[in-house]
Amino acid sequence: MKTGTLILAKRYAVAYDRIAKNTDEAAHNLTELENCLKELQGLSIYLDNPTISEEVKISLVQKALSQNNALAFVIVLIKEKRFYLVNEILKEIHSLLDLRRGIKKATVTSAAALDEGIKAKIQKFLEDYFKTKLALEFKEDKGLISGIKIKAGDFYIEDSAASRLRELAGILRE
């Protein structure tokens, strides 16, 4: 997705998150929005259609949903012609809720599947390093040949055979 689109999604997510006064209310609002969007799945053919007027879309949404913050938010997205951002906005709202809960997300990619003992050691090391709880996602990438990549926000480490080969190729080109 384009950078501008991601920035817009983050702005809308922050606006929706700020409705909540505390973490419990933020979690409730997120669940409310997710439930509303499930209800609207059958209407997506109309909501995504540019030939259908804003008034018709809003009327359909109001008939399908009960009155709450999520409905008001969906109406704003429709009025601003930003409903197409809803899935990215949801991801961002999830991230904001994790921040409220003190949870940081990280992805660990390895060349082969890691056993539970290694995963636990990586989890402990990274939680000690970041001094916060982490929600780790473990992935496999055969292209690494061997080694590991860790990404948590702006933090990135790659210690793999593939990265070492790239370094060597760069040295040889010089």
N, C-alpha and C. Protein backbone atom coordinates (compact mmCIF):
# COMPACT_ATOMS: atom_id res chain seq x y z
N MET A 1 0.83 -1.18 0.00
CA MET A 1 0.00 0.00 0.00
C MET A 1 0.88 1.25 0.00
N LYS A 2 0.43 2.29 -0.65
CA LYS A 2 1.20 3.52 -0.78
C LYS A 2 1.36 4.22 0.56
N THR A 3 2.44 4.95 0.70
CA THR A 3 2.76 5.65 1.95
C THR A 3 1.65 6.63 2.33
N GLY A 4 1.16 7.39 1.37
CA GLY A 4 0.09 8.36 1.65
C GLY A 4 -1.15 7.69 2.20
N THR A 5 -1.49 6.54 1.67
CA THR A 5 -2.65 5.78 2.13
C THR A 5 -2.43 5.30 3.57
N LEU A 6 -1.22 4.83 3.85
CA LEU A 6 -0.92 4.38 5.21
C LEU A 6 -0.98 5.53 6.21
N ILE A 7 -0.51 6.70 5.80
CA ILE A 7 -0.56 7.87 6.68
C ILE A 7 -2.01 8.23 6.97
N LEU A 8 -2.86 8.22 5.95
CA LEU A 8 -4.28 8.51 6.15
C LEU A 8 -4.91 7.49 7.11
N ALA A 9 -4.61 6.21 6.89
CA ALA A 9 -5.17 5.17 7.74
C ALA A 9 -4.76 5.39 9.20
N LYS A 10 -3.50 5.76 9.42
CA LYS A 10 -3.02 6.02 10.79
C LYS A 10 -3.75 7.19 11.40
N ARG A 11 -3.98 8.24 10.62
CA ARG A 11 -4.68 9.43 11.15
C ARG A 11 -6.10 9.08 11.58
N TYR A 12 -6.81 8.33 10.75
CA TYR A 12 -8.17 7.92 11.11
C TYR A 12 -8.16 6.99 12.32
N ALA A 13 -7.19 6.10 12.38
CA ALA A 13 -7.08 5.18 13.52
C ALA A 13 -6.85 5.95 14.81
N VAL A 14 -5.95 6.93 14.77
CA VAL A 14 -5.67 7.75 15.95
C VAL A 14 -6.94 8.50 16.37
N ALA A 15 -7.66 9.04 15.41
CA ALA A 15 -8.90 9.77 15.73
C ALA A 15 -9.90 8.84 16.41
N TYR A 16 -10.06 7.64 15.89
CA TYR A 16 -11.01 6.69 16.49
C TYR A 16 -10.53 6.25 17.88
N ASP A 17 -9.24 6.03 18.01
CA ASP A 17 -8.68 5.61 19.29
C ASP A 17 -8.87 6.68 20.36
N ARG A 18 -8.77 7.95 19.98
CA ARG A 18 -8.88 9.05 20.94
C ARG A 18 -10.29 9.24 21.50
N ILE A 19 -11.27 8.58 20.91
CA ILE A 19 -12.63 8.63 21.45
C ILE A 19 -12.65 8.00 22.84
N ALA A 20 -11.81 6.98 23.03
CA ALA A 20 -11.78 6.22 24.28
C ALA A 20 -11.01 6.97 25.37
N LYS A 21 -11.54 6.90 26.58
CA LYS A 21 -10.88 7.53 27.73
C LYS A 21 -9.87 6.60 28.40
N ASN A 22 -10.02 5.29 28.18
CA ASN A 22 -9.11 4.33 28.81
C ASN A 22 -8.98 3.08 27.93
N THR A 23 -8.15 2.16 28.35
CA THR A 23 -7.87 0.96 27.56
C THR A 23 -9.10 0.08 27.38
N ASP A 24 -9.88 -0.09 28.45
CA ASP A 24 -11.08 -0.93 28.33
C ASP A 24 -12.07 -0.35 27.32
N GLU A 25 -12.24 0.96 27.35
CA GLU A 25 -13.14 1.61 26.40
C GLU A 25 -12.59 1.50 24.98
N ALA A 26 -11.28 1.61 24.82
CA ALA A 26 -10.65 1.48 23.49
C ALA A 26 -10.88 0.06 22.95
N ALA A 27 -10.73 -0.94 23.81
CA ALA A 27 -10.97 -2.33 23.40
C ALA A 27 -12.43 -2.53 23.00
N HIS A 28 -13.33 -1.95 23.79
CA HIS A 28 -14.77 -2.04 23.48
C HIS A 28 -15.07 -1.38 22.13
N ASN A 29 -14.51 -0.19 21.90
CA ASN A 29 -14.74 0.52 20.64
C ASN A 29 -14.21 -0.26 19.44
N LEU A 30 -13.06 -0.90 19.62
CA LEU A 30 -12.49 -1.70 18.54
C LEU A 30 -13.41 -2.89 18.22
N THR A 31 -13.86 -3.57 19.25
CA THR A 31 -14.78 -4.70 19.05
C THR A 31 -16.06 -4.24 18.37
N GLU A 32 -16.56 -3.09 18.79
CA GLU A 32 -17.76 -2.50 18.20
C GLU A 32 -17.56 -2.25 16.70
N LEU A 33 -16.41 -1.69 16.34
CA LEU A 33 -16.12 -1.41 14.94
C LEU A 33 -15.98 -2.70 14.14
N GLU A 34 -15.29 -3.67 14.70
CA GLU A 34 -15.14 -4.96 14.01
C GLU A 34 -16.50 -5.62 13.77
N ASN A 35 -17.36 -5.58 14.77
CA ASN A 35 -18.71 -6.15 14.63
C ASN A 35 -19.51 -5.41 13.56
N CYS A 36 -19.40 -4.09 13.54
CA CYS A 36 -20.10 -3.31 12.51
C CYS A 36 -19.63 -3.69 11.12
N LEU A 37 -18.34 -3.84 10.97
CA LEU A 37 -17.79 -4.17 9.66
C LEU A 37 -18.20 -5.57 9.21
N LYS A 38 -18.34 -6.49 10.16
CA LYS A 38 -18.85 -7.83 9.81
C LYS A 38 -20.28 -7.72 9.30
N GLU A 39 -21.07 -6.89 9.95
CA GLU A 39 -22.45 -6.68 9.52
C GLU A 39 -22.52 -6.07 8.12
N LEU A 40 -21.54 -5.27 7.79
CA LEU A 40 -21.54 -4.56 6.51
C LEU A 40 -20.92 -5.35 5.36
N GLN A 41 -20.39 -6.54 5.63
CA GLN A 41 -19.72 -7.31 4.57
C GLN A 41 -20.63 -7.54 3.37
N GLY A 42 -21.87 -7.82 3.60
CA GLY A 42 -22.81 -8.04 2.49
C GLY A 42 -23.11 -6.78 1.70
N LEU A 43 -22.85 -5.64 2.30
CA LEU A 43 -23.12 -4.36 1.62
C LEU A 43 -21.89 -3.79 0.93
N SER A 44 -20.76 -4.46 1.04
CA SER A 44 -19.51 -3.89 0.51
C SER A 44 -19.59 -3.62 -0.99
N ILE A 45 -20.37 -4.40 -1.71
CA ILE A 45 -20.51 -4.17 -3.15
C ILE A 45 -21.13 -2.79 -3.41
N TYR A 46 -21.98 -2.34 -2.50
CA TYR A 46 -22.60 -1.01 -2.64
C TYR A 46 -21.70 0.08 -2.08
N LEU A 47 -21.06 -0.20 -0.94
CA LEU A 47 -20.23 0.80 -0.28
C LEU A 47 -18.97 1.12 -1.08
N ASP A 48 -18.48 0.17 -1.85
CA ASP A 48 -17.28 0.37 -2.67
C ASP A 48 -17.61 0.90 -4.07
N ASN A 49 -18.89 0.99 -4.39
CA ASN A 49 -19.31 1.39 -5.73
C ASN A 49 -19.37 2.92 -5.84
N PRO A 50 -18.54 3.52 -6.69
CA PRO A 50 -18.52 4.98 -6.80
C PRO A 50 -19.76 5.57 -7.46
N THR A 51 -20.56 4.74 -8.12
CA THR A 51 -21.76 5.27 -8.78
C THR A 51 -22.94 5.41 -7.82
N ILE A 52 -22.83 4.84 -6.65
CA ILE A 52 -23.91 4.95 -5.66
C ILE A 52 -23.64 6.18 -4.80
N SER A 53 -24.66 6.98 -4.61
CA SER A 53 -24.49 8.25 -3.90
C SER A 53 -24.16 8.04 -2.42
N GLU A 54 -23.52 9.05 -1.88
CA GLU A 54 -23.16 9.07 -0.46
C GLU A 54 -24.40 8.90 0.42
N GLU A 55 -25.49 9.57 0.04
CA GLU A 55 -26.73 9.51 0.83
C GLU A 55 -27.29 8.09 0.88
N VAL A 56 -27.25 7.39 -0.24
CA VAL A 56 -27.75 6.01 -0.29
C VAL A 56 -26.87 5.11 0.57
N LYS A 57 -25.57 5.29 0.47
CA LYS A 57 -24.64 4.48 1.27
C LYS A 57 -24.89 4.70 2.77
N ILE A 58 -25.03 5.95 3.16
CA ILE A 58 -25.26 6.26 4.58
C ILE A 58 -26.59 5.67 5.04
N SER A 59 -27.60 5.77 4.21
CA SER A 59 -28.91 5.19 4.55
C SER A 59 -28.81 3.68 4.73
N LEU A 60 -28.09 3.01 3.85
CA LEU A 60 -27.91 1.56 3.96
C LEU A 60 -27.20 1.20 5.27
N VAL A 61 -26.16 1.95 5.59
CA VAL A 61 -25.38 1.70 6.80
C VAL A 61 -26.23 1.94 8.05
N GLN A 62 -27.00 3.01 8.05
CA GLN A 62 -27.84 3.32 9.22
C GLN A 62 -28.90 2.26 9.44
N LYS A 63 -29.42 1.69 8.36
CA LYS A 63 -30.43 0.63 8.48
C LYS A 63 -29.80 -0.67 8.99
N ALA A 64 -28.54 -0.90 8.63
CA ALA A 64 -27.87 -2.16 8.97
C ALA A 64 -27.29 -2.16 10.38
N LEU A 65 -26.94 -0.99 10.90
CA LEU A 65 -26.21 -0.92 12.17
C LEU A 65 -26.99 -0.17 13.24
N SER A 66 -26.67 -0.51 14.49
CA SER A 66 -27.25 0.24 15.60
C SER A 66 -26.39 1.49 15.85
N GLN A 67 -27.00 2.47 16.52
CA GLN A 67 -26.32 3.74 16.77
C GLN A 67 -25.21 3.56 17.81
N ASN A 68 -23.98 3.89 17.43
CA ASN A 68 -22.83 3.85 18.34
C ASN A 68 -21.66 4.59 17.70
N ASN A 69 -20.53 4.58 18.38
CA ASN A 69 -19.34 5.27 17.85
C ASN A 69 -18.89 4.69 16.51
N ALA A 70 -19.00 3.38 16.38
CA ALA A 70 -18.56 2.72 15.15
C ALA A 70 -19.40 3.18 13.96
N LEU A 71 -20.71 3.27 14.15
CA LEU A 71 -21.59 3.75 13.07
C LEU A 71 -21.20 5.17 12.66
N ALA A 72 -21.01 6.03 13.64
CA ALA A 72 -20.63 7.41 13.35
C ALA A 72 -19.30 7.45 12.59
N PHE A 73 -18.37 6.60 12.98
CA PHE A 73 -17.06 6.54 12.32
C PHE A 73 -17.19 6.07 10.88
N VAL A 74 -17.98 5.04 10.66
CA VAL A 74 -18.20 4.51 9.30
C VAL A 74 -18.83 5.60 8.43
N ILE A 75 -19.76 6.34 8.98
CA ILE A 75 -20.41 7.43 8.21
C ILE A 75 -19.37 8.49 7.84
N VAL A 76 -18.48 8.83 8.76
CA VAL A 76 -17.42 9.79 8.44
C VAL A 76 -16.56 9.26 7.29
N LEU A 77 -16.19 7.98 7.34
CA LEU A 77 -15.37 7.39 6.27
C LEU A 77 -16.10 7.46 4.93
N ILE A 78 -17.40 7.21 4.94
CA ILE A 78 -18.18 7.28 3.70
C ILE A 78 -18.22 8.72 3.18
N LYS A 79 -18.50 9.66 4.07
CA LYS A 79 -18.59 11.07 3.66
C LYS A 79 -17.26 11.58 3.10
N GLU A 80 -16.17 11.12 3.68
CA GLU A 80 -14.84 11.58 3.24
C GLU A 80 -14.28 10.71 2.10
N LYS A 81 -15.11 9.78 1.62
CA LYS A 81 -14.70 8.85 0.55
C LYS A 81 -13.42 8.08 0.93
N ARG A 82 -13.40 7.63 2.17
CA ARG A 82 -12.24 6.91 2.70
C ARG A 82 -12.61 5.51 3.21
N PHE A 83 -13.78 5.02 2.88
CA PHE A 83 -14.20 3.70 3.38
C PHE A 83 -13.24 2.61 2.91
N TYR A 84 -12.60 2.80 1.78
CA TYR A 84 -11.65 1.81 1.25
C TYR A 84 -10.47 1.59 2.20
N LEU A 85 -10.25 2.51 3.14
CA LEU A 85 -9.15 2.40 4.09
C LEU A 85 -9.47 1.54 5.30
N VAL A 86 -10.68 1.07 5.41
CA VAL A 86 -11.16 0.48 6.66
C VAL A 86 -10.29 -0.67 7.16
N ASN A 87 -9.78 -1.52 6.29
CA ASN A 87 -8.96 -2.65 6.76
C ASN A 87 -7.62 -2.18 7.31
N GLU A 88 -7.01 -1.20 6.65
CA GLU A 88 -5.75 -0.64 7.17
C GLU A 88 -5.99 0.11 8.47
N ILE A 89 -7.11 0.80 8.55
CA ILE A 89 -7.46 1.52 9.79
C ILE A 89 -7.60 0.54 10.94
N LEU A 90 -8.25 -0.59 10.69
CA LEU A 90 -8.41 -1.62 11.73
C LEU A 90 -7.06 -2.12 12.23
N LYS A 91 -6.14 -2.37 11.31
CA LYS A 91 -4.79 -2.81 11.72
C LYS A 91 -4.14 -1.77 12.63
N GLU A 92 -4.27 -0.51 12.24
CA GLU A 92 -3.67 0.56 13.03
C GLU A 92 -4.34 0.69 14.40
N ILE A 93 -5.64 0.52 14.45
CA ILE A 93 -6.35 0.59 15.74
C ILE A 93 -5.89 -0.55 16.65
N HIS A 94 -5.69 -1.73 16.07
CA HIS A 94 -5.15 -2.85 16.85
C HIS A 94 -3.78 -2.49 17.43
N SER A 95 -2.94 -1.88 16.61
CA SER A 95 -1.60 -1.48 17.08
C SER A 95 -1.70 -0.45 18.20
N LEU A 96 -2.61 0.50 18.07
CA LEU A 96 -2.78 1.51 19.11
C LEU A 96 -3.29 0.89 20.41
N LEU A 97 -4.17 -0.09 20.31
CA LEU A 97 -4.65 -0.78 21.51
C LEU A 97 -3.51 -1.55 22.17
N ASP A 98 -2.67 -2.19 21.36
CA ASP A 98 -1.50 -2.87 21.91
C ASP A 98 -0.60 -1.88 22.66
N LEU A 99 -0.41 -0.70 22.09
CA LEU A 99 0.40 0.32 22.77
C LEU A 99 -0.23 0.71 24.10
N ARG A 100 -1.53 0.88 24.12
CA ARG A 100 -2.23 1.20 25.38
C ARG A 100 -2.00 0.11 26.42
N ARG A 101 -1.94 -1.13 25.95
CA ARG A 101 -1.75 -2.27 26.85
C ARG A 101 -0.27 -2.52 27.17
N GLY A 102 0.61 -1.77 26.55
CA GLY A 102 2.04 -1.95 26.79
C GLY A 102 2.62 -3.14 26.06
N ILE A 103 2.01 -3.49 24.94
CA ILE A 103 2.47 -4.64 24.15
C ILE A 103 3.07 -4.12 22.84
N LYS A 104 4.27 -4.58 22.54
CA LYS A 104 4.93 -4.23 21.28
C LYS A 104 4.90 -5.47 20.38
N LYS A 105 4.66 -5.27 19.10
CA LYS A 105 4.63 -6.39 18.15
C LYS A 105 5.98 -6.52 17.47
N ALA A 106 6.36 -7.76 17.22
CA ALA A 106 7.61 -8.03 16.52
C ALA A 106 7.42 -9.28 15.65
N THR A 107 8.20 -9.32 14.57
CA THR A 107 8.18 -10.48 13.68
C THR A 107 9.58 -11.08 13.66
N VAL A 108 9.63 -12.38 13.84
CA VAL A 108 10.90 -13.12 13.80
C VAL A 108 10.79 -14.07 12.61
N THR A 109 11.68 -13.89 11.64
CA THR A 109 11.68 -14.73 10.45
C THR A 109 12.95 -15.57 10.46
N SER A 110 12.77 -16.87 10.24
CA SER A 110 13.91 -17.78 10.23
C SER A 110 13.85 -18.64 8.98
N ALA A 111 14.98 -19.25 8.65
CA ALA A 111 15.07 -20.10 7.47
C ALA A 111 14.28 -21.40 7.66
N ALA A 112 14.18 -21.86 8.89
CA ALA A 112 13.46 -23.11 9.19
C ALA A 112 12.61 -22.89 10.43
N ALA A 113 11.70 -23.81 10.67
CA ALA A 113 10.83 -23.71 11.84
C ALA A 113 11.67 -23.77 13.12
N LEU A 114 11.30 -22.95 14.09
CA LEU A 114 12.00 -22.92 15.37
C LEU A 114 11.22 -23.73 16.39
N ASP A 115 11.94 -24.46 17.24
CA ASP A 115 11.23 -25.21 18.28
C ASP A 115 10.79 -24.25 19.40
N GLU A 116 9.90 -24.71 20.23
CA GLU A 116 9.30 -23.86 21.27
C GLU A 116 10.34 -23.32 22.25
N GLY A 117 11.37 -24.12 22.55
CA GLY A 117 12.42 -23.66 23.47
C GLY A 117 13.17 -22.45 22.91
N ILE A 118 13.51 -22.51 21.64
CA ILE A 118 14.21 -21.39 20.99
C ILE A 118 13.29 -20.17 20.93
N LYS A 119 12.03 -20.40 20.61
CA LYS A 119 11.07 -19.28 20.57
C LYS A 119 10.97 -18.59 21.92
N ALA A 120 10.94 -19.38 22.99
CA ALA A 120 10.85 -18.82 24.34
C ALA A 120 12.10 -18.01 24.67
N LYS A 121 13.27 -18.49 24.27
CA LYS A 121 14.52 -17.75 24.51
C LYS A 121 14.55 -16.43 23.75
N ILE A 122 14.09 -16.47 22.50
CA ILE A 122 14.03 -15.24 21.70
C ILE A 122 13.05 -14.27 22.34
N GLN A 123 11.90 -14.77 22.77
CA GLN A 123 10.88 -13.93 23.42
C GLN A 123 11.47 -13.24 24.65
N LYS A 124 12.13 -14.02 25.51
CA LYS A 124 12.71 -13.45 26.73
C LYS A 124 13.79 -12.43 26.41
N PHE A 125 14.68 -12.76 25.47
CA PHE A 125 15.75 -11.84 25.10
C PHE A 125 15.18 -10.51 24.60
N LEU A 126 14.20 -10.57 23.71
CA LEU A 126 13.64 -9.35 23.14
C LEU A 126 12.84 -8.55 24.17
N GLU A 127 12.12 -9.23 25.05
CA GLU A 127 11.38 -8.51 26.10
C GLU A 127 12.34 -7.83 27.07
N ASP A 128 13.46 -8.48 27.37
CA ASP A 128 14.49 -7.86 28.21
C ASP A 128 15.10 -6.66 27.48
N TYR A 129 15.36 -6.82 26.20
CA TYR A 129 15.97 -5.75 25.41
C TYR A 129 15.04 -4.53 25.32
N PHE A 130 13.76 -4.76 24.98
CA PHE A 130 12.81 -3.66 24.81
C PHE A 130 12.17 -3.21 26.12
N LYS A 131 12.33 -4.02 27.18
CA LYS A 131 11.74 -3.73 28.49
C LYS A 131 10.23 -3.55 28.41
N THR A 132 9.59 -4.44 27.64
CA THR A 132 8.14 -4.44 27.51
C THR A 132 7.67 -5.82 27.05
N LYS A 133 6.38 -6.07 27.19
CA LYS A 133 5.81 -7.31 26.68
C LYS A 133 5.81 -7.27 25.16
N LEU A 134 6.02 -8.42 24.56
CA LEU A 134 6.03 -8.52 23.10
C LEU A 134 5.03 -9.56 22.62
N ALA A 135 4.38 -9.23 21.53
CA ALA A 135 3.56 -10.21 20.81
C ALA A 135 4.39 -10.59 19.59
N LEU A 136 4.99 -11.77 19.64
CA LEU A 136 5.87 -12.21 18.55
C LEU A 136 5.12 -13.03 17.52
N GLU A 137 5.43 -12.77 16.27
CA GLU A 137 4.92 -13.58 15.17
C GLU A 137 6.14 -14.26 14.55
N PHE A 138 6.10 -15.58 14.46
CA PHE A 138 7.21 -16.33 13.89
C PHE A 138 6.85 -16.75 12.47
N LYS A 139 7.78 -16.49 11.54
CA LYS A 139 7.58 -16.85 10.13
C LYS A 139 8.78 -17.62 9.63
N GLU A 140 8.57 -18.33 8.52
CA GLU A 140 9.66 -19.04 7.85
C GLU A 140 9.89 -18.43 6.48
N ASP A 141 11.15 -18.34 6.08
CA ASP A 141 11.52 -17.85 4.75
C ASP A 141 12.71 -18.67 4.27
N LYS A 142 12.46 -19.59 3.39
CA LYS A 142 13.52 -20.48 2.88
C LYS A 142 14.63 -19.68 2.18
N GLY A 143 14.32 -18.47 1.72
CA GLY A 143 15.30 -17.63 1.04
C GLY A 143 16.42 -17.15 1.95
N LEU A 144 16.25 -17.28 3.25
CA LEU A 144 17.30 -16.87 4.18
C LEU A 144 18.47 -17.84 4.19
N ILE A 145 18.26 -19.05 3.75
CA ILE A 145 19.23 -20.15 3.76
C ILE A 145 19.49 -20.59 5.21
N SER A 146 19.98 -19.67 6.03
CA SER A 146 20.12 -19.94 7.47
C SER A 146 20.09 -18.59 8.17
N GLY A 147 19.89 -18.61 9.46
CA GLY A 147 19.90 -17.37 10.23
C GLY A 147 18.51 -16.87 10.59
N ILE A 148 18.46 -15.55 10.91
CA ILE A 148 17.23 -15.00 11.46
C ILE A 148 17.12 -13.51 11.14
N LYS A 149 15.87 -13.02 11.03
CA LYS A 149 15.57 -11.60 10.90
C LYS A 149 14.58 -11.24 12.00
N ILE A 150 14.79 -10.09 12.63
CA ILE A 150 13.88 -9.62 13.68
C ILE A 150 13.46 -8.21 13.33
N LYS A 151 12.14 -7.95 13.31
CA LYS A 151 11.62 -6.62 13.04
C LYS A 151 10.60 -6.27 14.10
N ALA A 152 10.84 -5.15 14.77
CA ALA A 152 9.91 -4.63 15.78
C ALA A 152 9.86 -3.11 15.60
N GLY A 153 8.82 -2.64 14.93
CA GLY A 153 8.74 -1.21 14.64
C GLY A 153 9.88 -0.80 13.75
N ASP A 154 10.66 0.20 14.18
CA ASP A 154 11.81 0.68 13.41
C ASP A 154 13.06 -0.16 13.64
N PHE A 155 13.03 -1.03 14.63
CA PHE A 155 14.16 -1.88 14.99
C PHE A 155 14.22 -3.05 14.01
N TYR A 156 15.40 -3.27 13.41
CA TYR A 156 15.55 -4.36 12.45
C TYR A 156 16.94 -4.95 12.56
N ILE A 157 16.98 -6.27 12.70
CA ILE A 157 18.25 -7.01 12.71
C ILE A 157 18.11 -8.14 11.70
N GLU A 158 19.14 -8.32 10.88
CA GLU A 158 19.18 -9.48 10.00
C GLU A 158 20.55 -10.11 10.12
N ASP A 159 20.57 -11.32 10.60
CA ASP A 159 21.80 -12.10 10.67
C ASP A 159 21.52 -13.42 9.96
N SER A 160 21.66 -13.38 8.65
CA SER A 160 21.36 -14.57 7.85
C SER A 160 22.45 -14.79 6.82
N ALA A 161 22.47 -15.98 6.28
CA ALA A 161 23.44 -16.28 5.22
C ALA A 161 23.19 -15.38 4.01
N ALA A 162 21.92 -15.10 3.72
CA ALA A 162 21.59 -14.24 2.58
C ALA A 162 22.15 -12.84 2.78
N SER A 163 22.03 -12.28 3.99
CA SER A 163 22.56 -10.93 4.23
C SER A 163 24.08 -10.92 4.16
N ARG A 164 24.70 -11.98 4.64
CA ARG A 164 26.17 -12.05 4.57
C ARG A 164 26.66 -12.18 3.13
N LEU A 165 25.92 -12.91 2.31
CA LEU A 165 26.27 -13.02 0.89
C LEU A 165 26.12 -11.67 0.19
N ARG A 166 25.06 -10.90 0.54
CA ARG A 166 24.90 -9.56 -0.03
C ARG A 166 26.07 -8.65 0.37
N GLU A 167 26.48 -8.74 1.63
CA GLU A 167 27.63 -7.95 2.08
C GLU A 167 28.89 -8.31 1.30
N LEU A 168 29.10 -9.62 1.14
CA LEU A 168 30.27 -10.09 0.41
C LEU A 168 30.22 -9.61 -1.04
N ALA A 169 29.06 -9.69 -1.68
CA ALA A 169 28.93 -9.20 -3.05
C ALA A 169 29.24 -7.74 -3.16
N GLY A 170 28.82 -6.94 -2.18
CA GLY A 170 29.12 -5.52 -2.16
C GLY A 170 30.60 -5.25 -2.03
N ILE A 171 31.26 -6.02 -1.18
CA ILE A 171 32.71 -5.87 -1.01
C ILE A 171 33.44 -6.23 -2.30
N LEU A 172 33.01 -7.31 -2.95
CA LEU A 172 33.66 -7.75 -4.18
C LEU A 172 33.46 -6.74 -5.31
N ARG A 173 32.30 -6.05 -5.34
CA ARG A 173 32.04 -5.06 -6.38
C ARG A 173 32.97 -3.85 -6.22
N GLU A 174 33.33 -3.54 -4.99
CA GLU A 174 34.22 -2.39 -4.74
C GLU A 174 35.58 -2.72 -5.25
